[in-house]
PDB file of N, CA and C in Angstrom:
ATOM      1  N   MET A   1       6.792   2.979   9.014  1.00  0.00           N
ATOM      2  CA  MET A   1       6.492   1.588   9.874  1.00  0.00           C
ATOM      3  C   MET A   1       7.826   0.912   9.144  1.00  0.00           C
ATOM      4  N   THR A   2       9.179   0.134  10.580  1.00  0.00           N
ATOM      5  CA  THR A   2       9.976  -0.817   9.619  1.00  0.00           C
ATOM      6  C   THR A   2       9.110  -2.178  10.169  1.00  0.00           C
ATOM      7  N   PRO A   3       9.227  -3.217   9.273  1.00  0.00           N
ATOM      8  CA  PRO A   3       8.663  -4.828   9.238  1.00  0.00           C
ATOM      9  C   PRO A   3       9.839  -5.136  10.520  1.00  0.00           C
ATOM     10  N   LEU A   4       9.259  -5.950  11.273  1.00  0.00           N
ATOM     11  CA  LEU A   4       9.567  -6.965  12.370  1.00  0.00           C
ATOM     12  C   LEU A   4      10.921  -7.883  11.678  1.00  0.00           C
ATOM     13  N   ALA A   5      12.502  -7.730  12.923  1.00  0.00           N
ATOM     14  CA  ALA A   5      13.379  -8.315  12.293  1.00  0.00           C
ATOM     15  C   ALA A   5      13.358 -10.296  12.594  1.00  0.00           C
ATOM     16  N   THR A   6      12.654 -10.214  13.320  1.00  0.00           N
ATOM     17  CA  THR A   6      12.257 -11.914  13.301  1.00  0.00           C
ATOM     18  C   THR A   6      10.815 -12.172  13.235  1.00  0.00           C
ATOM     19  N   CYS A   7      10.333 -13.219  12.956  1.00  0.00           N
ATOM     20  CA  CYS A   7       9.129 -13.528  13.649  1.00  0.00           C
ATOM     21  C   CYS A   7       8.635 -13.786  14.750  1.00  0.00           C
ATOM     22  N   SER A   8       7.413 -13.381  15.558  1.00  0.00           N
ATOM     23  CA  SER A   8       7.171 -13.529  16.841  1.00  0.00           C
ATOM     24  C   SER A   8       6.668 -14.794  17.417  1.00  0.00           C
ATOM     25  N   VAL A   9       6.320 -15.487  16.182  1.00  0.00           N
ATOM     26  CA  VAL A   9       6.046 -17.070  16.478  1.00  0.00           C
ATOM     27  C   VAL A   9       7.264 -18.196  16.346  1.00  0.00           C
ATOM     28  N   CYS A  10       8.028 -17.927  15.297  1.00  0.00           N
ATOM     29  CA  CYS A  10       8.780 -19.418  14.746  1.00  0.00           C
ATOM     30  C   CYS A  10      10.077 -18.329  14.906  1.00  0.00           C
ATOM     31  N   ASN A  11      10.586 -17.198  15.454  1.00  0.00           N
ATOM     32  CA  ASN A  11      11.668 -16.804  15.264  1.00  0.00           C
ATOM     33  C   ASN A  11      12.535 -16.462  14.170  1.00  0.00           C
ATOM     34  N   GLU A  12      11.993 -16.651  12.609  1.00  0.00           N
ATOM     35  CA  GLU A  12      12.499 -16.861  11.355  1.00  0.00           C
ATOM     36  C   GLU A  12      13.025 -15.853  11.333  1.00  0.00           C
ATOM     37  N   ASN A  13      14.413 -15.652  10.962  1.00  0.00           N
ATOM     38  CA  ASN A  13      14.954 -13.942  10.098  1.00  0.00           C
ATOM     39  C   ASN A  13      14.412 -13.572   8.846  1.00  0.00           C
ATOM     40  N   LEU A  14      14.011 -12.641   8.987  1.00  0.00           N
ATOM     41  CA  LEU A  14      12.785 -12.222   8.242  1.00  0.00           C
ATOM     42  C   LEU A  14      13.889 -10.593   7.638  1.00  0.00           C
ATOM     43  N   THR A  15      15.208 -10.267   8.087  1.00  0.00           N
ATOM     44  CA  THR A  15      15.671  -9.405   7.623  1.00  0.00           C
ATOM     45  C   THR A  15      16.455 -10.021   6.044  1.00  0.00           C
ATOM     46  N   PRO A  16      16.679 -10.582   5.501  1.00  0.00           N
ATOM     47  CA  PRO A  16      17.198 -10.967   4.228  1.00  0.00           C
ATOM     48  C   PRO A  16      16.159 -10.707   2.977  1.00  0.00           C
ATOM     49  N   TYR A  17      14.908 -10.684   3.357  1.00  0.00           N
ATOM     50  CA  TYR A  17      13.971 -10.600   2.304  1.00  0.00           C
ATOM     51  C   TYR A  17      13.134  -9.129   2.311  1.00  0.00           C
ATOM     52  N   LEU A  18      13.883  -8.232   1.570  1.00  0.00           N
ATOM     53  CA  LEU A  18      13.315  -6.968   1.366  1.00  0.00           C
ATOM     54  C   LEU A  18      12.906  -6.716   0.066  1.00  0.00           C
ATOM     55  N   THR A  19      11.768  -5.900   0.314  1.00  0.00           N
ATOM     56  CA  THR A  19      10.980  -5.851  -0.580  1.00  0.00           C
ATOM     57  C   THR A  19      10.742  -4.576  -1.941  1.00  0.00           C
ATOM     58  N   ALA A  20      11.425  -3.703  -1.088  1.00  0.00           N
ATOM     59  CA  ALA A  20      11.989  -2.295  -2.014  1.00  0.00           C
ATOM     60  C   ALA A  20      10.709  -1.532  -1.811  1.00  0.00           C
ATOM     61  N   ASP A  21      10.264  -1.141  -3.142  1.00  0.00           N
ATOM     62  CA  ASP A  21       9.154  -0.383  -3.118  1.00  0.00           C
ATOM     63  C   ASP A  21       7.856  -0.796  -3.922  1.00  0.00           C
ATOM     64  N   LEU A  22       8.045  -2.520  -4.245  1.00  0.00           N
ATOM     65  CA  LEU A  22       6.462  -3.111  -4.570  1.00  0.00           C
ATOM     66  C   LEU A  22       5.608  -3.293  -4.173  1.00  0.00           C
ATOM     67  N   PRO A  23       5.413  -3.042  -2.862  1.00  0.00           N
ATOM     68  CA  PRO A  23       4.162  -3.039  -2.028  1.00  0.00           C
ATOM     69  C   PRO A  23       3.608  -1.105  -2.200  1.00  0.00           C
ATOM     70  N   SER A  24       4.443  -0.459  -2.308  1.00  0.00           N
ATOM     71  CA  SER A  24       4.112   1.155  -2.449  1.00  0.00           C
ATOM     72  C   SER A  24       3.503   0.999  -4.158  1.00  0.00           C
ATOM     73  N   TYR A  25       4.539   0.437  -5.597  1.00  0.00           N
ATOM     74  CA  TYR A  25       3.940   0.464  -6.099  1.00  0.00           C
ATOM     75  C   TYR A  25       2.285   0.002  -6.369  1.00  0.00           C
ATOM     76  N   PHE A  26       1.898  -1.244  -5.661  1.00  0.00           N
ATOM     77  CA  PHE A  26       1.156  -1.880  -5.505  1.00  0.00           C
ATOM     78  C   PHE A  26      -0.424  -1.069  -5.080  1.00  0.00           C
ATOM     79  N   VAL A  27      -0.079  -0.409  -3.585  1.00  0.00           N
ATOM     80  CA  VAL A  27      -1.099   0.137  -2.877  1.00  0.00           C
ATOM     81  C   VAL A  27      -1.327   1.787  -4.039  1.00  0.00           C
ATOM     82  N   MET A  28      -0.321   2.319  -4.635  1.00  0.00           N
ATOM     83  CA  MET A  28      -0.888   3.309  -5.364  1.00  0.00           C
ATOM     84  C   MET A  28      -1.355   3.093  -6.442  1.00  0.00           C
ATOM     85  N   PHE A  29      -1.368   1.750  -7.250  1.00  0.00           N
ATOM     86  CA  PHE A  29      -2.134   1.574  -8.468  1.00  0.00           C
ATOM     87  C   PHE A  29      -3.177   1.210  -7.764  1.00  0.00           C
ATOM     88  N   LEU A  30      -3.662   0.424  -6.696  1.00  0.00           N
ATOM     89  CA  LEU A  30      -5.029   0.407  -6.338  1.00  0.00           C
ATOM     90  C   LEU A  30      -6.035   1.576  -5.568  1.00  0.00           C
ATOM     91  N   VAL A  31      -5.523   2.585  -4.695  1.00  0.00           N
ATOM     92  CA  VAL A  31      -5.690   3.600  -4.425  1.00  0.00           C
ATOM     93  C   VAL A  31      -6.234   4.456  -5.771  1.00  0.00           C
ATOM     94  N   GLY A  32      -5.129   4.683  -6.322  1.00  0.00           N
ATOM     95  CA  GLY A  32      -5.005   5.543  -8.051  1.00  0.00           C
ATOM     96  C   GLY A  32      -6.343   4.964  -9.084  1.00  0.00           C
ATOM     97  N   LEU A  33      -6.824   3.578  -8.562  1.00  0.00           N
ATOM     98  CA  LEU A  33      -7.508   3.180  -9.518  1.00  0.00           C
ATOM     99  C   LEU A  33      -9.073   3.402  -9.402  1.00  0.00           C
ATOM    100  N   LEU A  34      -9.278   3.532  -7.605  1.00  0.00           N
ATOM    101  CA  LEU A  34     -10.521   3.817  -7.181  1.00  0.00           C
ATOM    102  C   LEU A  34     -10.854   4.805  -6.987  1.00  0.00           C
ATOM    103  N   ALA A  35      -9.953   6.050  -6.735  1.00  0.00           N
ATOM    104  CA  ALA A  35      -9.869   7.277  -6.369  1.00  0.00           C
ATOM    105  C   ALA A  35      -9.981   8.398  -7.598  1.00  0.00           C
ATOM    106  N   THR A  36      -9.490   8.218  -8.945  1.00  0.00           N
ATOM    107  CA  THR A  36      -9.177   9.000  -9.484  1.00  0.00           C
ATOM    108  C   THR A  36     -10.482   8.970 -10.697  1.00  0.00           C
ATOM    109  N   PRO A  37     -10.820   8.058 -10.567  1.00  0.00           N
ATOM    110  CA  PRO A  37     -12.540   7.412 -11.294  1.00  0.00           C
ATOM    111  C   PRO A  37     -13.526   9.014 -10.523  1.00  0.00           C
ATOM    112  N   ALA A  38     -13.707   8.446  -8.823  1.00  0.00           N
ATOM    113  CA  ALA A  38     -14.390   9.584  -8.265  1.00  0.00           C
ATOM    114  C   ALA A  38     -14.169  10.523  -8.104  1.00  0.00           C
ATOM    115  N   VAL A  39     -12.979  11.056  -8.098  1.00  0.00           N
ATOM    116  CA  VAL A  39     -12.601  12.665  -8.463  1.00  0.00           C
ATOM    117  C   VAL A  39     -12.865  13.175  -9.761  1.00  0.00           C
ATOM    118  N   LEU A  40     -12.800  12.776 -10.755  1.00  0.00           N
ATOM    119  CA  LEU A  40     -13.494  13.006 -12.235  1.00  0.00           C
ATOM    120  C   LEU A  40     -14.701  13.063 -11.739  1.00  0.00           C
ATOM    121  N   VAL A  41     -15.649  12.029 -11.820  1.00  0.00           N
ATOM    122  CA  VAL A  41     -16.800  12.510 -12.039  1.00  0.00           C
ATOM    123  C   VAL A  41     -17.801  13.453 -10.930  1.00  0.00           C
ATOM    124  N   LEU A  42     -16.949  13.771  -9.572  1.00  0.00           N
ATOM    125  CA  LEU A  42     -17.527  14.352  -9.214  1.00  0.00           C
ATOM    126  C   LEU A  42     -16.765  15.651  -9.356  1.00  0.00           C
ATOM    127  N   SER A  43     -15.745  16.111 -10.025  1.00  0.00           N
ATOM    128  CA  SER A  43     -15.558  17.396  -9.858  1.00  0.00           C
ATOM    129  C   SER A  43     -16.484  17.863 -10.852  1.00  0.00           C
ATOM    130  N   MET A  44     -16.582  16.698 -12.344  1.00  0.00           N
ATOM    131  CA  MET A  44     -17.762  17.157 -13.567  1.00  0.00           C
ATOM    132  C   MET A  44     -19.118  17.337 -13.248  1.00  0.00           C
ATOM    133  N   LYS A  45     -19.491  16.673 -12.093  1.00  0.00           N
ATOM    134  CA  LYS A  45     -21.009  16.439 -11.475  1.00  0.00           C
ATOM    135  C   LYS A  45     -21.368  17.886 -11.174  1.00  0.00           C
ATOM    136  N   SER A  46     -20.632  18.693 -10.201  1.00  0.00           N
ATOM    137  CA  SER A  46     -21.323  20.093  -9.751  1.00  0.00           C
ATOM    138  C   SER A  46     -20.116  21.327 -10.350  1.00  0.00           C
ATOM    139  N   ALA A  47     -20.874  22.659  -9.934  1.00  0.00           N
ATOM    140  CA  ALA A  47     -19.518  23.747 -10.275  1.00  0.00           C
ATOM    141  C   ALA A  47     -19.086  23.842  -8.736  1.00  0.00           C
ATOM    142  N   ASP A  48     -19.546  23.166  -7.762  1.00  0.00           N
ATOM    143  CA  ASP A  48     -19.138  23.337  -6.496  1.00  0.00           C
ATOM    144  C   ASP A  48     -18.950  22.371  -5.547  1.00  0.00           C
ATOM    145  N   SER A  49     -17.751  21.790  -6.671  1.00  0.00           N
ATOM    146  CA  SER A  49     -17.559  20.321  -5.784  1.00  0.00           C
ATOM    147  C   SER A  49     -15.810  19.981  -5.592  1.00  0.00           C
ATOM    148  N   THR A  50     -15.803  21.283  -4.317  1.00  0.00           N
ATOM    149  CA  THR A  50     -14.396  21.048  -3.502  1.00  0.00           C
ATOM    150  C   THR A  50     -14.651  19.950  -2.749  1.00  0.00           C
ATOM    151  N   TRP A  51     -15.386  20.536  -2.023  1.00  0.00           N
ATOM    152  CA  TRP A  51     -14.976  19.767  -0.481  1.00  0.00           C
ATOM    153  C   TRP A  51     -15.781  17.658  -1.143  1.00  0.00           C
ATOM    154  N   PRO A  52     -16.436  17.713  -1.675  1.00  0.00           N
ATOM    155  CA  PRO A  52     -16.534  16.381  -2.254  1.00  0.00           C
ATOM    156  C   PRO A  52     -15.159  15.682  -2.643  1.00  0.00           C
ATOM    157  N   VAL A  53     -14.332  15.923  -3.346  1.00  0.00           N
ATOM    158  CA  VAL A  53     -13.449  16.212  -4.119  1.00  0.00           C
ATOM    159  C   VAL A  53     -12.342  16.116  -3.127  1.00  0.00           C
ATOM    160  N   LEU A  54     -12.312  16.858  -1.741  1.00  0.00           N
ATOM    161  CA  LEU A  54     -11.366  16.827  -1.041  1.00  0.00           C
ATOM    162  C   LEU A  54     -11.702  15.617   0.060  1.00  0.00           C
ATOM    163  N   ALA A  55     -12.825  15.343   0.414  1.00  0.00           N
ATOM    164  CA  ALA A  55     -13.255  14.205   0.938  1.00  0.00           C
ATOM    165  C   ALA A  55     -12.567  12.761   0.017  1.00  0.00           C
ATOM    166  N   VAL A  56     -13.097  12.520  -0.753  1.00  0.00           N
ATOM    167  CA  VAL A  56     -12.653  11.172  -1.845  1.00  0.00           C
ATOM    168  C   VAL A  56     -10.666  11.302  -1.425  1.00  0.00           C
ATOM    169  N   ALA A  57     -10.217  12.738  -1.558  1.00  0.00           N
ATOM    170  CA  ALA A  57      -8.858  12.489  -1.842  1.00  0.00           C
ATOM    171  C   ALA A  57      -7.860  12.247   0.057  1.00  0.00           C
ATOM    172  N   ALA A  58      -9.098  12.799   1.375  1.00  0.00           N
ATOM    173  CA  ALA A  58      -8.728  12.506   2.607  1.00  0.00           C
ATOM    174  C   ALA A  58      -8.949  10.428   2.473  1.00  0.00           C
ATOM    175  N   LEU A  59      -9.953  10.581   1.861  1.00  0.00           N
ATOM    176  CA  LEU A  59     -10.365   8.927   2.246  1.00  0.00           C
ATOM    177  C   LEU A  59      -8.969   7.655   1.168  1.00  0.00           C
ATOM    178  N   ALA A  60      -8.363   8.995   0.200  1.00  0.00           N
ATOM    179  CA  ALA A  60      -7.355   7.929  -0.359  1.00  0.00           C
ATOM    180  C   ALA A  60      -6.211   8.072   0.495  1.00  0.00           C
ATOM    181  N   VAL A  61      -5.801   8.928   0.630  1.00  0.00           N
ATOM    182  CA  VAL A  61      -4.701   8.915   1.932  1.00  0.00           C
ATOM    183  C   VAL A  61      -5.001   8.088   2.981  1.00  0.00           C
ATOM    184  N   ALA A  62      -6.022   8.018   3.547  1.00  0.00           N
ATOM    185  CA  ALA A  62      -6.251   6.923   4.481  1.00  0.00           C
ATOM    186  C   ALA A  62      -6.496   5.987   4.565  1.00  0.00           C
ATOM    187  N   ALA A  63      -7.034   5.326   2.962  1.00  0.00           N
ATOM    188  CA  ALA A  63      -6.697   3.928   2.838  1.00  0.00           C
ATOM    189  C   ALA A  63      -5.294   3.732   2.128  1.00  0.00           C
ATOM    190  N   THR A  64      -4.368   4.302   1.643  1.00  0.00           N
ATOM    191  CA  THR A  64      -3.022   4.334   1.506  1.00  0.00           C
ATOM    192  C   THR A  64      -2.353   3.523   2.671  1.00  0.00           C
ATOM    193  N   LEU A  65      -2.634   5.048   3.590  1.00  0.00           N
ATOM    194  CA  LEU A  65      -1.949   4.339   5.473  1.00  0.00           C
ATOM    195  C   LEU A  65      -2.209   3.009   5.239  1.00  0.00           C
ATOM    196  N   LEU A  66      -3.356   2.853   5.561  1.00  0.00           N
ATOM    197  CA  LEU A  66      -4.003   1.942   5.965  1.00  0.00           C
ATOM    198  C   LEU A  66      -3.516   0.272   5.232  1.00  0.00           C
ATOM    199  N   LEU A  67      -3.393   0.542   3.935  1.00  0.00           N
ATOM    200  CA  LEU A  67      -2.801  -0.541   2.721  1.00  0.00           C
ATOM    201  C   LEU A  67      -1.023  -1.019   3.030  1.00  0.00           C
ATOM    202  N   LEU A  68      -0.989   0.356   3.414  1.00  0.00           N
ATOM    203  CA  LEU A  68       0.931  -0.066   3.254  1.00  0.00           C
ATOM    204  C   LEU A  68       1.435  -0.748   3.786  1.00  0.00           C
ATOM    205  N   PRO A  69       1.527  -0.400   5.108  1.00  0.00           N
ATOM    206  CA  PRO A  69       2.063  -1.705   6.136  1.00  0.00           C
ATOM    207  C   PRO A  69       1.291  -3.684   5.906  1.00  0.00           C
ATOM    208  N   ARG A  70       0.131  -3.417   5.375  1.00  0.00           N
ATOM    209  CA  ARG A  70      -0.281  -4.874   5.133  1.00  0.00           C
ATOM    210  C   ARG A  70       0.361  -4.894   4.252  1.00  0.00           C
ATOM    211  N   ALA A  71       0.686  -4.691   2.730  1.00  0.00           N
ATOM    212  CA  ALA A  71       0.878  -4.793   1.468  1.00  0.00           C
ATOM    213  C   ALA A  71       2.377  -5.020   1.570  1.00  0.00           C
ATOM    214  N   LYS A  72       3.155  -4.647   2.986  1.00  0.00           N
ATOM    215  CA  LYS A  72       4.799  -4.577   2.813  1.00  0.00           C
ATOM    216  C   LYS A  72       4.884  -6.061   3.647  1.00  0.00           C
ATOM    217  N   GLY A  73       4.034  -6.346   4.262  1.00  0.00           N
ATOM    218  CA  GLY A  73       3.828  -7.713   5.022  1.00  0.00           C
ATOM    219  C   GLY A  73       3.409  -8.807   4.239  1.00  0.00           C
ATOM    220  N   ALA A  74       2.531  -8.904   3.240  1.00  0.00           N
ATOM    221  CA  ALA A  74       2.317  -9.645   2.330  1.00  0.00           C
ATOM    222  C   ALA A  74       3.341  -9.130   0.799  1.00  0.00           C
ATOM    223  N   GLY A  75       3.976  -8.756   0.978  1.00  0.00           N
ATOM    224  CA  GLY A  75       5.677  -8.592   0.306  1.00  0.00           C
ATOM    225  C   GLY A  75       6.788  -9.435   0.760  1.00  0.00           C
ATOM    226  N   ILE A  76       6.711  -9.329   2.074  1.00  0.00           N
ATOM    227  CA  ILE A  76       7.726 -10.210   2.672  1.00  0.00           C
ATOM    228  C   ILE A  76       7.679 -11.672   2.993  1.00  0.00           C
ATOM    229  N   ALA A  77       6.203 -11.964   3.036  1.00  0.00           N
ATOM    230  CA  ALA A  77       5.313 -12.871   2.910  1.00  0.00           C
ATOM    231  C   ALA A  77       5.705 -13.806   1.781  1.00  0.00           C
ATOM    232  N   LEU A  78       5.379 -12.888   0.817  1.00  0.00           N
ATOM    233  CA  LEU A  78       5.444 -13.823  -0.522  1.00  0.00           C
ATOM    234  C   LEU A  78       7.271 -13.724  -1.185  1.00  0.00           C
ATOM    235  N   LEU A  79       7.765 -13.236  -0.199  1.00  0.00           N
ATOM    236  CA  LEU A  79       9.608 -13.317  -0.748  1.00  0.00           C
ATOM    237  C   LEU A  79       9.648 -14.556   0.315  1.00  0.00           C
ATOM    238  N   TRP A  80       9.406 -14.865   0.957  1.00  0.00           N
ATOM    239  CA  TRP A  80       9.526 -16.149   2.210  1.00  0.00           C
ATOM    240  C   TRP A  80       9.305 -17.037   1.476  1.00  0.00           C
ATOM    241  N   ALA A  81       7.979 -16.863   1.278  1.00  0.00           N
ATOM    242  CA  ALA A  81       7.895 -18.396   0.018  1.00  0.00           C
ATOM    243  C   ALA A  81       8.273 -18.594  -0.890  1.00  0.00           C
ATOM    244  N   LEU A  82       9.191 -17.740  -1.387  1.00  0.00           N
ATOM    245  CA  LEU A  82       9.950 -17.989  -3.047  1.00  0.00           C
ATOM    246  C   LEU A  82      11.075 -18.640  -2.271  1.00  0.00           C
ATOM    247  N   ASP A  83      11.501 -17.928  -1.215  1.00  0.00           N
ATOM    248  CA  ASP A  83      13.184 -18.260  -0.734  1.00  0.00           C
ATOM    249  C   ASP A  83      13.619 -17.266  -1.854  1.00  0.00           C
ATOM    250  N   VAL A  84      13.101 -16.344  -1.777  1.00  0.00           N
ATOM    251  CA  VAL A  84      13.955 -14.767  -2.978  1.00  0.00           C
ATOM    252  C   VAL A  84      14.405 -14.289  -1.321  1.00  0.00           C
ATOM    253  N   LYS A  85      16.236 -14.011  -1.390  1.00  0.00           N
ATOM    254  CA  LYS A  85      16.609 -13.245  -0.066  1.00  0.00           C
ATOM    255  C   LYS A  85      17.519 -12.472  -0.911  1.00  0.00           C
ATOM    256  N   ALA A  86      17.765 -11.295  -0.376  1.00  0.00           N
ATOM    257  CA  ALA A  86      18.693 -10.553  -0.952  1.00  0.00           C
ATOM    258  C   ALA A  86      20.135 -10.754  -1.139  1.00  0.00           C
ATOM    259  N   ASN A  87      20.992 -10.028  -1.809  1.00  0.00           N
ATOM    260  CA  ASN A  87      22.452 -10.432  -2.530  1.00  0.00           C
ATOM    261  C   ASN A  87      22.328 -12.092  -2.882  1.00  0.00           C
ATOM    262  N   GLN A  88      21.148 -12.392  -3.387  1.00  0.00           N
ATOM    263  CA  GLN A  88      21.453 -13.685  -3.696  1.00  0.00           C
ATOM    264  C   GLN A  88      21.987 -14.191  -5.186  1.00  0.00           C
TER     265      GLN A  88
END
């Protein structure tokens, strides 16, 4: 999903604020921090733990897809607030 080029409220140009991969790293860290222990506990709990592990993996993918656009927006907002533009 591509961020908007201008703010719909104030018409601020948002194209110079490039977040690169920082939001992706934050989301991967957060989801991994929550999903990895759950997968480890579920896989050690019983011998037939395929479905619970797959359910946690599906929830991790859903959480990633839900959080990533919001993290990208938060990154752009942070860069805007700090006035950090690309090629400065």
